[in-house]
């Protein structure tokens, strides 16, 4: 269990279209095999420490003629942001994906600042 050592907890949320590859013939729509899309999310305000991140598929548009394979996760989490990561593989054709995210973590008090 992660224990937060601060009574000030911040929550930031967002939604992001990660790609729309059917419009321009991008790799998620025209390719095969392992493929990955990464999008950097920068927080409006930084956290005091690395926050916990929750992600979810808010919308996906996939071709009906192939298996629907999707893996949504996150990485490179820091107090200032993180990467949304979408992966697919095989013959899956993904037209577009929108991901929702929530970050929860410690924030600084208004009167808290570094001395040096």
PDB file of N, CA and C in Angstrom:
ATOM      1  N   UNK A   1       0.831  -1.173   0.000  1.00  0.00           N
ATOM      2  CA  UNK A   1       0.000   0.000   0.000  1.00  0.00           C
ATOM      3  C   UNK A   1       0.880   1.243   0.000  1.00  0.00           C
ATOM      4  N   UNK A   2       0.499   2.190  -0.784  1.00  0.00           N
ATOM      5  CA  UNK A   2       1.210   3.467  -0.799  1.00  0.00           C
ATOM      6  C   UNK A   2       0.587   4.387   0.237  1.00  0.00           C
ATOM      7  N   UNK A   3       1.397   4.914   1.130  1.00  0.00           N
ATOM      8  CA  UNK A   3       0.917   5.823   2.167  1.00  0.00           C
ATOM      9  C   UNK A   3       1.398   7.229   1.850  1.00  0.00           C
ATOM     10  N   UNK A   4       0.483   8.169   1.832  1.00  0.00           N
ATOM     11  CA  UNK A   4       0.813   9.554   1.545  1.00  0.00           C
ATOM     12  C   UNK A   4       1.093  10.260   2.872  1.00  0.00           C
ATOM     13  N   UNK A   5       2.250  10.925   2.964  1.00  0.00           N
ATOM     14  CA  UNK A   5       2.709  11.526   4.209  1.00  0.00           C
ATOM     15  C   UNK A   5       2.267  12.983   4.339  1.00  0.00           C
ATOM     16  N   UNK A   6       1.205  13.340   3.700  1.00  0.00           N
ATOM     17  CA  UNK A   6       0.796  14.729   3.646  1.00  0.00           C
ATOM     18  C   UNK A   6      -0.723  14.764   3.674  1.00  0.00           C
ATOM     19  N   UNK A   7      -1.288  15.701   4.405  1.00  0.00           N
ATOM     20  CA  UNK A   7      -2.748  15.796   4.437  1.00  0.00           C
ATOM     21  C   UNK A   7      -3.299  16.551   3.224  1.00  0.00           C
ATOM     22  N   UNK A   8      -2.402  17.124   2.416  1.00  0.00           N
ATOM     23  CA  UNK A   8      -2.817  17.819   1.205  1.00  0.00           C
ATOM     24  C   UNK A   8      -2.689  16.879   0.009  1.00  0.00           C
ATOM     25  N   UNK A   9      -3.818  16.454  -0.506  1.00  0.00           N
ATOM     26  CA  UNK A   9      -3.848  15.513  -1.618  1.00  0.00           C
ATOM     27  C   UNK A   9      -4.429  16.224  -2.838  1.00  0.00           C
ATOM     28  N   UNK A  10      -3.739  16.095  -3.962  1.00  0.00           N
ATOM     29  CA  UNK A  10      -4.204  16.698  -5.208  1.00  0.00           C
ATOM     30  C   UNK A  10      -4.698  15.644  -6.177  1.00  0.00           C
ATOM     31  N   UNK A  11      -5.694  16.013  -6.963  1.00  0.00           N
ATOM     32  CA  UNK A  11      -6.235  15.143  -7.994  1.00  0.00           C
ATOM     33  C   UNK A  11      -6.295  15.950  -9.291  1.00  0.00           C
ATOM     34  N   UNK A  12      -5.694  15.420 -10.338  1.00  0.00           N
ATOM     35  CA  UNK A  12      -5.796  16.022 -11.665  1.00  0.00           C
ATOM     36  C   UNK A  12      -6.331  14.958 -12.613  1.00  0.00           C
ATOM     37  N   UNK A  13      -7.191  15.380 -13.539  1.00  0.00           N
ATOM     38  CA  UNK A  13      -7.792  14.455 -14.492  1.00  0.00           C
ATOM     39  C   UNK A  13      -7.725  15.041 -15.893  1.00  0.00           C
ATOM     40  N   UNK A  14      -7.771  14.164 -16.874  1.00  0.00           N
ATOM     41  CA  UNK A  14      -7.777  14.627 -18.249  1.00  0.00           C
ATOM     42  C   UNK A  14      -8.225  13.561 -19.211  1.00  0.00           C
ATOM     43  N   UNK A  15      -8.407  13.969 -20.451  1.00  0.00           N
ATOM     44  CA  UNK A  15      -8.787  13.082 -21.537  1.00  0.00           C
ATOM     45  C   UNK A  15      -7.987  13.517 -22.757  1.00  0.00           C
ATOM     46  N   UNK A  16      -7.451  12.548 -23.493  1.00  0.00           N
ATOM     47  CA  UNK A  16      -6.569  12.887 -24.608  1.00  0.00           C
ATOM     48  C   UNK A  16      -6.765  11.925 -25.773  1.00  0.00           C
ATOM     49  N   UNK A  17      -6.999  12.466 -26.965  1.00  0.00           N
ATOM     50  CA  UNK A  17      -6.973  11.642 -28.166  1.00  0.00           C
ATOM     51  C   UNK A  17      -5.504  11.335 -28.427  1.00  0.00           C
ATOM     52  N   UNK A  18      -5.155  10.056 -28.425  1.00  0.00           N
ATOM     53  CA  UNK A  18      -3.760   9.660 -28.575  1.00  0.00           C
ATOM     54  C   UNK A  18      -3.330   9.640 -30.034  1.00  0.00           C
ATOM     55  N   UNK A  19      -4.228   9.224 -30.922  1.00  0.00           N
ATOM     56  CA  UNK A  19      -3.939   9.236 -32.353  1.00  0.00           C
ATOM     57  C   UNK A  19      -5.249   9.063 -33.114  1.00  0.00           C
ATOM     58  N   UNK A  20      -5.213   9.406 -34.382  1.00  0.00           N
ATOM     59  CA  UNK A  20      -6.338   9.243 -35.294  1.00  0.00           C
ATOM     60  C   UNK A  20      -5.749   8.810 -36.636  1.00  0.00           C
ATOM     61  N   UNK A  21      -5.238   7.578 -36.674  1.00  0.00           N
ATOM     62  CA  UNK A  21      -4.424   7.096 -37.795  1.00  0.00           C
ATOM     63  C   UNK A  21      -5.196   6.789 -39.071  1.00  0.00           C
ATOM     64  N   UNK A  22      -6.514   6.626 -39.008  1.00  0.00           N
ATOM     65  CA  UNK A  22      -7.252   6.332 -40.236  1.00  0.00           C
ATOM     66  C   UNK A  22      -7.280   7.544 -41.162  1.00  0.00           C
ATOM     67  N   UNK A  23      -7.122   8.744 -40.612  1.00  0.00           N
ATOM     68  CA  UNK A  23      -7.175   9.972 -41.417  1.00  0.00           C
ATOM     69  C   UNK A  23      -5.972  10.122 -42.336  1.00  0.00           C
ATOM     70  N   UNK A  24      -4.807   9.657 -41.854  1.00  0.00           N
ATOM     71  CA  UNK A  24      -3.586   9.868 -42.644  1.00  0.00           C
ATOM     72  C   UNK A  24      -2.822   8.575 -42.948  1.00  0.00           C
ATOM     73  N   UNK A  25      -3.473   7.425 -42.761  1.00  0.00           N
ATOM     74  CA  UNK A  25      -2.821   6.156 -43.077  1.00  0.00           C
ATOM     75  C   UNK A  25      -1.689   5.808 -42.128  1.00  0.00           C
ATOM     76  N   UNK A  26      -1.812   6.200 -40.859  1.00  0.00           N
ATOM     77  CA  UNK A  26      -0.770   5.936 -39.868  1.00  0.00           C
ATOM     78  C   UNK A  26      -0.609   4.463 -39.542  1.00  0.00           C
ATOM     79  N   UNK A  27       0.448   4.157 -38.799  1.00  0.00           N
ATOM     80  CA  UNK A  27       0.851   2.772 -38.521  1.00  0.00           C
ATOM     81  C   UNK A  27      -0.197   1.967 -37.758  1.00  0.00           C
ATOM     82  N   UNK A  28      -0.953   2.587 -36.873  1.00  0.00           N
ATOM     83  CA  UNK A  28      -1.958   1.832 -36.118  1.00  0.00           C
ATOM     84  C   UNK A  28      -3.078   1.334 -37.036  1.00  0.00           C
ATOM     85  N   UNK A  29      -3.332   2.063 -38.105  1.00  0.00           N
ATOM     86  CA  UNK A  29      -4.391   1.697 -39.047  1.00  0.00           C
ATOM     87  C   UNK A  29      -3.883   0.813 -40.189  1.00  0.00           C
ATOM     88  N   UNK A  30      -2.696   1.070 -40.681  1.00  0.00           N
ATOM     89  CA  UNK A  30      -2.203   0.346 -41.855  1.00  0.00           C
ATOM     90  C   UNK A  30      -1.161  -0.718 -41.542  1.00  0.00           C
ATOM     91  N   UNK A  31      -0.549  -0.666 -40.364  1.00  0.00           N
ATOM     92  CA  UNK A  31       0.541  -1.584 -40.041  1.00  0.00           C
ATOM     93  C   UNK A  31       0.065  -2.912 -39.490  1.00  0.00           C
ATOM     94  N   UNK A  32       1.031  -3.802 -39.280  1.00  0.00           N
ATOM     95  CA  UNK A  32       0.786  -5.084 -38.627  1.00  0.00           C
ATOM     96  C   UNK A  32       1.919  -5.324 -37.641  1.00  0.00           C
ATOM     97  N   UNK A  33       1.708  -6.320 -36.776  1.00  0.00           N
ATOM     98  CA  UNK A  33       2.733  -6.638 -35.785  1.00  0.00           C
ATOM     99  C   UNK A  33       2.677  -5.683 -34.608  1.00  0.00           C
ATOM    100  N   UNK A  34       3.694  -5.717 -33.752  1.00  0.00           N
ATOM    101  CA  UNK A  34       3.710  -4.861 -32.566  1.00  0.00           C
ATOM    102  C   UNK A  34       3.811  -3.379 -32.946  1.00  0.00           C
ATOM    103  N   UNK A  35       2.927  -2.572 -32.376  1.00  0.00           N
ATOM    104  CA  UNK A  35       2.941  -1.122 -32.591  1.00  0.00           C
ATOM    105  C   UNK A  35       2.649  -0.421 -31.279  1.00  0.00           C
ATOM    106  N   UNK A  36       3.192   0.774 -31.142  1.00  0.00           N
ATOM    107  CA  UNK A  36       3.043   1.525 -29.895  1.00  0.00           C
ATOM    108  C   UNK A  36       2.877   3.008 -30.199  1.00  0.00           C
ATOM    109  N   UNK A  37       2.000   3.661 -29.431  1.00  0.00           N
ATOM    110  CA  UNK A  37       1.843   5.116 -29.489  1.00  0.00           C
ATOM    111  C   UNK A  37       2.039   5.657 -28.082  1.00  0.00           C
ATOM    112  N   UNK A  38       2.858   6.713 -27.966  1.00  0.00           N
ATOM    113  CA  UNK A  38       3.109   7.361 -26.672  1.00  0.00           C
ATOM    114  C   UNK A  38       2.746   8.828 -26.778  1.00  0.00           C
ATOM    115  N   UNK A  39       2.106   9.324 -25.715  1.00  0.00           N
ATOM    116  CA  UNK A  39       1.752  10.739 -25.638  1.00  0.00           C
ATOM    117  C   UNK A  39       2.161  11.238 -24.261  1.00  0.00           C
ATOM    118  N   UNK A  40       2.916  12.325 -24.220  1.00  0.00           N
ATOM    119  CA  UNK A  40       3.345  12.910 -22.951  1.00  0.00           C
ATOM    120  C   UNK A  40       2.225  13.782 -22.389  1.00  0.00           C
ATOM    121  N   UNK A  41       1.921  13.583 -21.132  1.00  0.00           N
ATOM    122  CA  UNK A  41       0.948  14.396 -20.409  1.00  0.00           C
ATOM    123  C   UNK A  41       1.715  15.214 -19.377  1.00  0.00           C
ATOM    124  N   UNK A  42       1.603  16.527 -19.448  1.00  0.00           N
ATOM    125  CA  UNK A  42       2.210  17.420 -18.459  1.00  0.00           C
ATOM    126  C   UNK A  42       1.104  17.951 -17.552  1.00  0.00           C
ATOM    127  N   UNK A  43       1.302  17.828 -16.248  1.00  0.00           N
ATOM    128  CA  UNK A  43       0.308  18.293 -15.287  1.00  0.00           C
ATOM    129  C   UNK A  43       0.227  19.815 -15.287  1.00  0.00           C
ATOM    130  N   UNK A  44      -0.956  20.339 -14.999  1.00  0.00           N
ATOM    131  CA  UNK A  44      -1.125  21.789 -14.854  1.00  0.00           C
ATOM    132  C   UNK A  44      -0.308  22.318 -13.678  1.00  0.00           C
ATOM    133  N   UNK A  45      -0.267  21.542 -12.602  1.00  0.00           N
ATOM    134  CA  UNK A  45       0.549  21.860 -11.416  1.00  0.00           C
ATOM    135  C   UNK A  45       1.308  20.602 -11.038  1.00  0.00           C
ATOM    136  N   UNK A  46       2.550  20.749 -10.615  1.00  0.00           N
ATOM    137  CA  UNK A  46       3.327  19.566 -10.254  1.00  0.00           C
ATOM    138  C   UNK A  46       2.935  19.076  -8.862  1.00  0.00           C
ATOM    139  N   UNK A  47       3.147  17.792  -8.663  1.00  0.00           N
ATOM    140  CA  UNK A  47       2.912  17.168  -7.366  1.00  0.00           C
ATOM    141  C   UNK A  47       4.181  17.269  -6.530  1.00  0.00           C
ATOM    142  N   UNK A  48       4.056  17.046  -5.237  1.00  0.00           N
ATOM    143  CA  UNK A  48       5.214  17.069  -4.326  1.00  0.00           C
ATOM    144  C   UNK A  48       6.077  15.825  -4.540  1.00  0.00           C
ATOM    145  N   UNK A  49       5.456  14.714  -4.859  1.00  0.00           N
ATOM    146  CA  UNK A  49       6.156  13.462  -5.139  1.00  0.00           C
ATOM    147  C   UNK A  49       5.449  12.779  -6.313  1.00  0.00           C
ATOM    148  N   UNK A  50       5.954  11.641  -6.716  1.00  0.00           N
ATOM    149  CA  UNK A  50       5.375  10.922  -7.858  1.00  0.00           C
ATOM    150  C   UNK A  50       3.949  10.484  -7.510  1.00  0.00           C
ATOM    151  N   UNK A  51       2.959  10.884  -8.310  1.00  0.00           N
ATOM    152  CA  UNK A  51       1.574  10.516  -8.016  1.00  0.00           C
ATOM    153  C   UNK A  51       1.219   9.119  -8.515  1.00  0.00           C
ATOM    154  N   UNK A  52       0.101   8.607  -8.040  1.00  0.00           N
ATOM    155  CA  UNK A  52      -0.471   7.377  -8.578  1.00  0.00           C
ATOM    156  C   UNK A  52      -1.281   7.752  -9.818  1.00  0.00           C
ATOM    157  N   UNK A  53      -1.197   6.939 -10.869  1.00  0.00           N
ATOM    158  CA  UNK A  53      -1.864   7.219 -12.137  1.00  0.00           C
ATOM    159  C   UNK A  53      -2.872   6.109 -12.442  1.00  0.00           C
ATOM    160  N   UNK A  54      -4.065   6.491 -12.828  1.00  0.00           N
ATOM    161  CA  UNK A  54      -5.094   5.564 -13.301  1.00  0.00           C
ATOM    162  C   UNK A  54      -5.406   5.929 -14.747  1.00  0.00           C
ATOM    163  N   UNK A  55      -5.464   4.945 -15.637  1.00  0.00           N
ATOM    164  CA  UNK A  55      -5.774   5.201 -17.043  1.00  0.00           C
ATOM    165  C   UNK A  55      -6.922   4.302 -17.485  1.00  0.00           C
ATOM    166  N   UNK A  56      -7.647   4.751 -18.494  1.00  0.00           N
ATOM    167  CA  UNK A  56      -8.730   3.947 -19.048  1.00  0.00           C
ATOM    168  C   UNK A  56      -9.029   4.352 -20.476  1.00  0.00           C
ATOM    169  N   UNK A  57      -9.459   3.384 -21.278  1.00  0.00           N
ATOM    170  CA  UNK A  57      -9.874   3.682 -22.644  1.00  0.00           C
ATOM    171  C   UNK A  57     -11.226   4.383 -22.594  1.00  0.00           C
ATOM    172  N   UNK A  58     -11.283   5.594 -23.108  1.00  0.00           N
ATOM    173  CA  UNK A  58     -12.530   6.349 -23.141  1.00  0.00           C
ATOM    174  C   UNK A  58     -13.245   6.141 -24.469  1.00  0.00           C
ATOM    175  N   UNK A  59     -12.477   5.888 -25.530  1.00  0.00           N
ATOM    176  CA  UNK A  59     -13.038   5.652 -26.861  1.00  0.00           C
ATOM    177  C   UNK A  59     -12.015   4.896 -27.675  1.00  0.00           C
ATOM    178  N   UNK A  60     -12.480   3.907 -28.405  1.00  0.00           N
ATOM    179  CA  UNK A  60     -11.612   3.245 -29.377  1.00  0.00           C
ATOM    180  C   UNK A  60     -12.442   2.916 -30.605  1.00  0.00           C
ATOM    181  N   UNK A  61     -11.809   3.027 -31.746  1.00  0.00           N
ATOM    182  CA  UNK A  61     -12.442   2.769 -33.036  1.00  0.00           C
ATOM    183  C   UNK A  61     -11.537   1.779 -33.754  1.00  0.00           C
ATOM    184  N   UNK A  62     -12.008   0.525 -33.871  1.00  0.00           N
ATOM    185  CA  UNK A  62     -11.201  -0.534 -34.477  1.00  0.00           C
ATOM    186  C   UNK A  62     -11.947  -1.187 -35.622  1.00  0.00           C
ATOM    187  N   UNK A  63     -11.186  -1.679 -36.575  1.00  0.00           N
ATOM    188  CA  UNK A  63     -11.740  -2.373 -37.728  1.00  0.00           C
ATOM    189  C   UNK A  63     -12.403  -3.673 -37.290  1.00  0.00           C
ATOM    190  N   UNK A  64     -13.580  -3.953 -37.822  1.00  0.00           N
ATOM    191  CA  UNK A  64     -14.303  -5.168 -37.454  1.00  0.00           C
ATOM    192  C   UNK A  64     -13.745  -6.422 -38.119  1.00  0.00           C
ATOM    193  N   UNK A  65     -12.881  -6.251 -39.124  1.00  0.00           N
ATOM    194  CA  UNK A  65     -12.365  -7.388 -39.871  1.00  0.00           C
ATOM    195  C   UNK A  65     -11.130  -8.044 -39.264  1.00  0.00           C
ATOM    196  N   UNK A  66     -10.696  -7.588 -38.100  1.00  0.00           N
ATOM    197  CA  UNK A  66      -9.516  -8.177 -37.455  1.00  0.00           C
ATOM    198  C   UNK A  66      -9.777  -8.296 -35.963  1.00  0.00           C
ATOM    199  N   UNK A  67      -8.921  -9.046 -35.283  1.00  0.00           N
ATOM    200  CA  UNK A  67      -9.037  -9.157 -33.829  1.00  0.00           C
ATOM    201  C   UNK A  67      -8.793  -7.801 -33.184  1.00  0.00           C
ATOM    202  N   UNK A  68      -9.521  -7.531 -32.122  1.00  0.00           N
ATOM    203  CA  UNK A  68      -9.367  -6.264 -31.407  1.00  0.00           C
ATOM    204  C   UNK A  68      -8.447  -6.471 -30.213  1.00  0.00           C
ATOM    205  N   UNK A  69      -7.209  -5.993 -30.365  1.00  0.00           N
ATOM    206  CA  UNK A  69      -6.182  -6.149 -29.337  1.00  0.00           C
ATOM    207  C   UNK A  69      -5.759  -4.761 -28.876  1.00  0.00           C
ATOM    208  N   UNK A  70      -5.790  -4.540 -27.564  1.00  0.00           N
ATOM    209  CA  UNK A  70      -5.432  -3.220 -27.042  1.00  0.00           C
ATOM    210  C   UNK A  70      -4.813  -3.356 -25.661  1.00  0.00           C
ATOM    211  N   UNK A  71      -3.782  -2.577 -25.427  1.00  0.00           N
ATOM    212  CA  UNK A  71      -3.120  -2.513 -24.126  1.00  0.00           C
ATOM    213  C   UNK A  71      -2.854  -1.036 -23.838  1.00  0.00           C
ATOM    214  N   UNK A  72      -3.513  -0.489 -22.818  1.00  0.00           N
ATOM    215  CA  UNK A  72      -3.307   0.901 -22.421  1.00  0.00           C
ATOM    216  C   UNK A  72      -2.647   0.915 -21.051  1.00  0.00           C
ATOM    217  N   UNK A  73      -1.546   1.627 -20.945  1.00  0.00           N
ATOM    218  CA  UNK A  73      -0.824   1.720 -19.684  1.00  0.00           C
ATOM    219  C   UNK A  73      -0.173   3.097 -19.599  1.00  0.00           C
ATOM    220  N   UNK A  74       0.726   3.271 -18.653  1.00  0.00           N
ATOM    221  CA  UNK A  74       1.440   4.540 -18.491  1.00  0.00           C
ATOM    222  C   UNK A  74       2.873   4.250 -18.063  1.00  0.00           C
ATOM    223  N   UNK A  75       3.749   5.239 -18.233  1.00  0.00           N
ATOM    224  CA  UNK A  75       5.157   5.087 -17.864  1.00  0.00           C
ATOM    225  C   UNK A  75       5.802   6.441 -17.680  1.00  0.00           C
ATOM    226  N   UNK A  76       7.073   6.428 -17.291  1.00  0.00           N
ATOM    227  CA  UNK A  76       7.857   7.648 -17.078  1.00  0.00           C
ATOM    228  C   UNK A  76       7.126   8.649 -16.186  1.00  0.00           C
ATOM    229  N   UNK A  77       6.547   8.154 -15.091  1.00  0.00           N
ATOM    230  CA  UNK A  77       5.786   9.010 -14.183  1.00  0.00           C
ATOM    231  C   UNK A  77       6.744   9.840 -13.334  1.00  0.00           C
ATOM    232  N   UNK A  78       6.469  11.135 -13.257  1.00  0.00           N
ATOM    233  CA  UNK A  78       7.244  12.048 -12.425  1.00  0.00           C
ATOM    234  C   UNK A  78       6.262  13.016 -11.760  1.00  0.00           C
ATOM    235  N   UNK A  79       6.732  13.868 -10.857  1.00  0.00           N
ATOM    236  CA  UNK A  79       5.832  14.856 -10.256  1.00  0.00           C
ATOM    237  C   UNK A  79       5.253  15.853 -11.265  1.00  0.00           C
ATOM    238  N   UNK A  80       5.846  15.953 -12.446  1.00  0.00           N
ATOM    239  CA  UNK A  80       5.383  16.931 -13.432  1.00  0.00           C
ATOM    240  C   UNK A  80       4.573  16.341 -14.593  1.00  0.00           C
ATOM    241  N   UNK A  81       4.547  14.996 -14.724  1.00  0.00           N
ATOM    242  CA  UNK A  81       3.788  14.395 -15.814  1.00  0.00           C
ATOM    243  C   UNK A  81       4.084  12.924 -15.995  1.00  0.00           C
ATOM    244  N   UNK A  82       3.569  12.363 -17.095  1.00  0.00           N
ATOM    245  CA  UNK A  82       3.748  10.941 -17.390  1.00  0.00           C
ATOM    246  C   UNK A  82       3.468  10.701 -18.870  1.00  0.00           C
ATOM    247  N   UNK A  83       3.767   9.487 -19.342  1.00  0.00           N
ATOM    248  CA  UNK A  83       3.467   9.075 -20.713  1.00  0.00           C
ATOM    249  C   UNK A  83       2.267   8.140 -20.717  1.00  0.00           C
ATOM    250  N   UNK A  84       1.270   8.434 -21.561  1.00  0.00           N
ATOM    251  CA  UNK A  84       0.225   7.467 -21.881  1.00  0.00           C
ATOM    252  C   UNK A  84       0.799   6.553 -22.952  1.00  0.00           C
ATOM    253  N   UNK A  85       0.579   5.237 -22.821  1.00  0.00           N
ATOM    254  CA  UNK A  85       1.143   4.277 -23.773  1.00  0.00           C
ATOM    255  C   UNK A  85       0.034   3.342 -24.247  1.00  0.00           C
ATOM    256  N   UNK A  86      -0.185   3.315 -25.565  1.00  0.00           N
ATOM    257  CA  UNK A  86      -1.145   2.400 -26.163  1.00  0.00           C
ATOM    258  C   UNK A  86      -0.373   1.434 -27.058  1.00  0.00           C
ATOM    259  N   UNK A  87      -0.681   0.142 -26.928  1.00  0.00           N
ATOM    260  CA  UNK A  87      -0.029  -0.875 -27.756  1.00  0.00           C
ATOM    261  C   UNK A  87      -1.076  -1.777 -28.395  1.00  0.00           C
ATOM    262  N   UNK A  88      -0.747  -2.255 -29.582  1.00  0.00           N
ATOM    263  CA  UNK A  88      -1.526  -3.296 -30.236  1.00  0.00           C
ATOM    264  C   UNK A  88      -0.557  -4.202 -30.985  1.00  0.00           C
ATOM    265  N   UNK A  89      -1.050  -5.294 -31.556  1.00  0.00           N
ATOM    266  CA  UNK A  89      -0.181  -6.256 -32.221  1.00  0.00           C
ATOM    267  C   UNK A  89      -1.005  -7.074 -33.207  1.00  0.00           C
ATOM    268  N   UNK A  90      -0.317  -7.949 -33.928  1.00  0.00           N
ATOM    269  CA  UNK A  90      -0.963  -8.821 -34.904  1.00  0.00           C
ATOM    270  C   UNK A  90      -1.580  -8.025 -36.050  1.00  0.00           C
ATOM    271  N   UNK A  91      -2.753  -8.449 -36.489  1.00  0.00           N
ATOM    272  CA  UNK A  91      -3.414  -7.798 -37.622  1.00  0.00           C
ATOM    273  C   UNK A  91      -4.422  -6.725 -37.198  1.00  0.00           C
ATOM    274  N   UNK A  92      -4.453  -6.357 -35.936  1.00  0.00           N
ATOM    275  CA  UNK A  92      -5.400  -5.366 -35.427  1.00  0.00           C
ATOM    276  C   UNK A  92      -5.223  -4.031 -36.141  1.00  0.00           C
ATOM    277  N   UNK A  93      -6.347  -3.445 -36.542  1.00  0.00           N
ATOM    278  CA  UNK A  93      -6.356  -2.137 -37.206  1.00  0.00           C
ATOM    279  C   UNK A  93      -7.096  -1.165 -36.296  1.00  0.00           C
ATOM    280  N   UNK A  94      -6.361  -0.187 -35.772  1.00  0.00           N
ATOM    281  CA  UNK A  94      -6.937   0.784 -34.844  1.00  0.00           C
ATOM    282  C   UNK A  94      -7.009   2.138 -35.538  1.00  0.00           C
ATOM    283  N   UNK A  95      -8.209   2.658 -35.673  1.00  0.00           N
ATOM    284  CA  UNK A  95      -8.397   3.956 -36.327  1.00  0.00           C
ATOM    285  C   UNK A  95      -8.035   5.102 -35.386  1.00  0.00           C
ATOM    286  N   UNK A  96      -8.549   5.044 -34.158  1.00  0.00           N
ATOM    287  CA  UNK A  96      -8.248   6.103 -33.185  1.00  0.00           C
ATOM    288  C   UNK A  96      -8.535   5.623 -31.772  1.00  0.00           C
ATOM    289  N   UNK A  97      -7.890   6.315 -30.812  1.00  0.00           N
ATOM    290  CA  UNK A  97      -8.022   5.999 -29.400  1.00  0.00           C
ATOM    291  C   UNK A  97      -8.035   7.290 -28.597  1.00  0.00           C
ATOM    292  N   UNK A  98      -8.949   7.348 -27.627  1.00  0.00           N
ATOM    293  CA  UNK A  98      -8.933   8.419 -26.630  1.00  0.00           C
ATOM    294  C   UNK A  98      -8.796   7.775 -25.259  1.00  0.00           C
ATOM    295  N   UNK A  99      -7.894   8.296 -24.442  1.00  0.00           N
ATOM    296  CA  UNK A  99      -7.644   7.756 -23.107  1.00  0.00           C
ATOM    297  C   UNK A  99      -7.980   8.809 -22.053  1.00  0.00           C
ATOM    298  N   UNK A 100      -8.596   8.373 -20.965  1.00  0.00           N
ATOM    299  CA  UNK A 100      -8.830   9.218 -19.795  1.00  0.00           C
ATOM    300  C   UNK A 100      -7.795   8.860 -18.739  1.00  0.00           C
ATOM    301  N   UNK A 101      -7.446   9.826 -17.899  1.00  0.00           N
ATOM    302  CA  UNK A 101      -6.454   9.568 -16.865  1.00  0.00           C
ATOM    303  C   UNK A 101      -6.785  10.372 -15.604  1.00  0.00           C
ATOM    304  N   UNK A 102      -6.325   9.847 -14.480  1.00  0.00           N
ATOM    305  CA  UNK A 102      -6.435  10.514 -13.183  1.00  0.00           C
ATOM    306  C   UNK A 102      -5.104  10.361 -12.469  1.00  0.00           C
ATOM    307  N   UNK A 103      -4.609  11.459 -11.907  1.00  0.00           N
ATOM    308  CA  UNK A 103      -3.384  11.442 -11.091  1.00  0.00           C
ATOM    309  C   UNK A 103      -3.760  11.878  -9.676  1.00  0.00           C
ATOM    310  N   UNK A 104      -3.307  11.104  -8.689  1.00  0.00           N
ATOM    311  CA  UNK A 104      -3.604  11.392  -7.284  1.00  0.00           C
ATOM    312  C   UNK A 104      -2.296  11.352  -6.512  1.00  0.00           C
ATOM    313  N   UNK A 105      -2.015  12.423  -5.761  1.00  0.00           N
ATOM    314  CA  UNK A 105      -0.775  12.432  -4.992  1.00  0.00           C
ATOM    315  C   UNK A 105      -0.665  13.619  -4.064  1.00  0.00           C
ATOM    316  N   UNK A 106       0.472  13.662  -3.379  1.00  0.00           N
ATOM    317  CA  UNK A 106       0.751  14.736  -2.427  1.00  0.00           C
ATOM    318  C   UNK A 106       1.025  16.044  -3.160  1.00  0.00           C
ATOM    319  N   UNK A 107       0.526  17.141  -2.584  1.00  0.00           N
ATOM    320  CA  UNK A 107       0.817  18.473  -3.112  1.00  0.00           C
ATOM    321  C   UNK A 107       1.394  19.331  -1.998  1.00  0.00           C
ATOM    322  N   UNK A 108       2.096  20.376  -2.389  1.00  0.00           N
ATOM    323  CA  UNK A 108       2.685  21.287  -1.411  1.00  0.00           C
ATOM    324  C   UNK A 108       1.629  22.222  -0.837  1.00  0.00           C
ATOM    325  N   UNK A 109       1.803  22.569   0.435  1.00  0.00           N
ATOM    326  CA  UNK A 109       0.959  23.587   1.051  1.00  0.00           C
ATOM    327  C   UNK A 109       1.346  24.944   0.483  1.00  0.00           C
ATOM    328  N   UNK A 110       0.452  25.912   0.542  1.00  0.00           N
ATOM    329  CA  UNK A 110       0.732  27.242  -0.004  1.00  0.00           C
ATOM    330  C   UNK A 110       1.951  27.897   0.638  1.00  0.00           C
ATOM    331  N   UNK A 111       2.172  27.620   1.928  1.00  0.00           N
ATOM    332  CA  UNK A 111       3.295  28.245   2.638  1.00  0.00           C
ATOM    333  C   UNK A 111       4.532  27.340   2.700  1.00  0.00           C
ATOM    334  N   UNK A 112       4.547  26.261   1.953  1.00  0.00           N
ATOM    335  CA  UNK A 112       5.669  25.328   1.937  1.00  0.00           C
ATOM    336  C   UNK A 112       6.584  25.658   0.774  1.00  0.00           C
ATOM    337  N   UNK A 113       7.860  25.894   1.038  1.00  0.00           N
ATOM    338  CA  UNK A 113       8.808  26.210  -0.010  1.00  0.00           C
ATOM    339  C   UNK A 113      10.182  25.719   0.390  1.00  0.00           C
ATOM    340  N   UNK A 114      11.053  25.575  -0.592  1.00  0.00           N
ATOM    341  CA  UNK A 114      12.421  25.122  -0.344  1.00  0.00           C
ATOM    342  C   UNK A 114      13.268  26.289   0.089  1.00  0.00           C
ATOM    343  N   UNK A 115      14.114  26.075   1.110  1.00  0.00           N
ATOM    344  CA  UNK A 115      14.969  27.130   1.632  1.00  0.00           C
ATOM    345  C   UNK A 115      16.171  27.376   0.711  1.00  0.00           C
ATOM    346  N   UNK A 116      16.656  26.351   0.054  1.00  0.00           N
ATOM    347  CA  UNK A 116      17.817  26.519  -0.815  1.00  0.00           C
ATOM    348  C   UNK A 116      17.558  26.036  -2.192  1.00  0.00           C
TER     349      UNK A 116
END
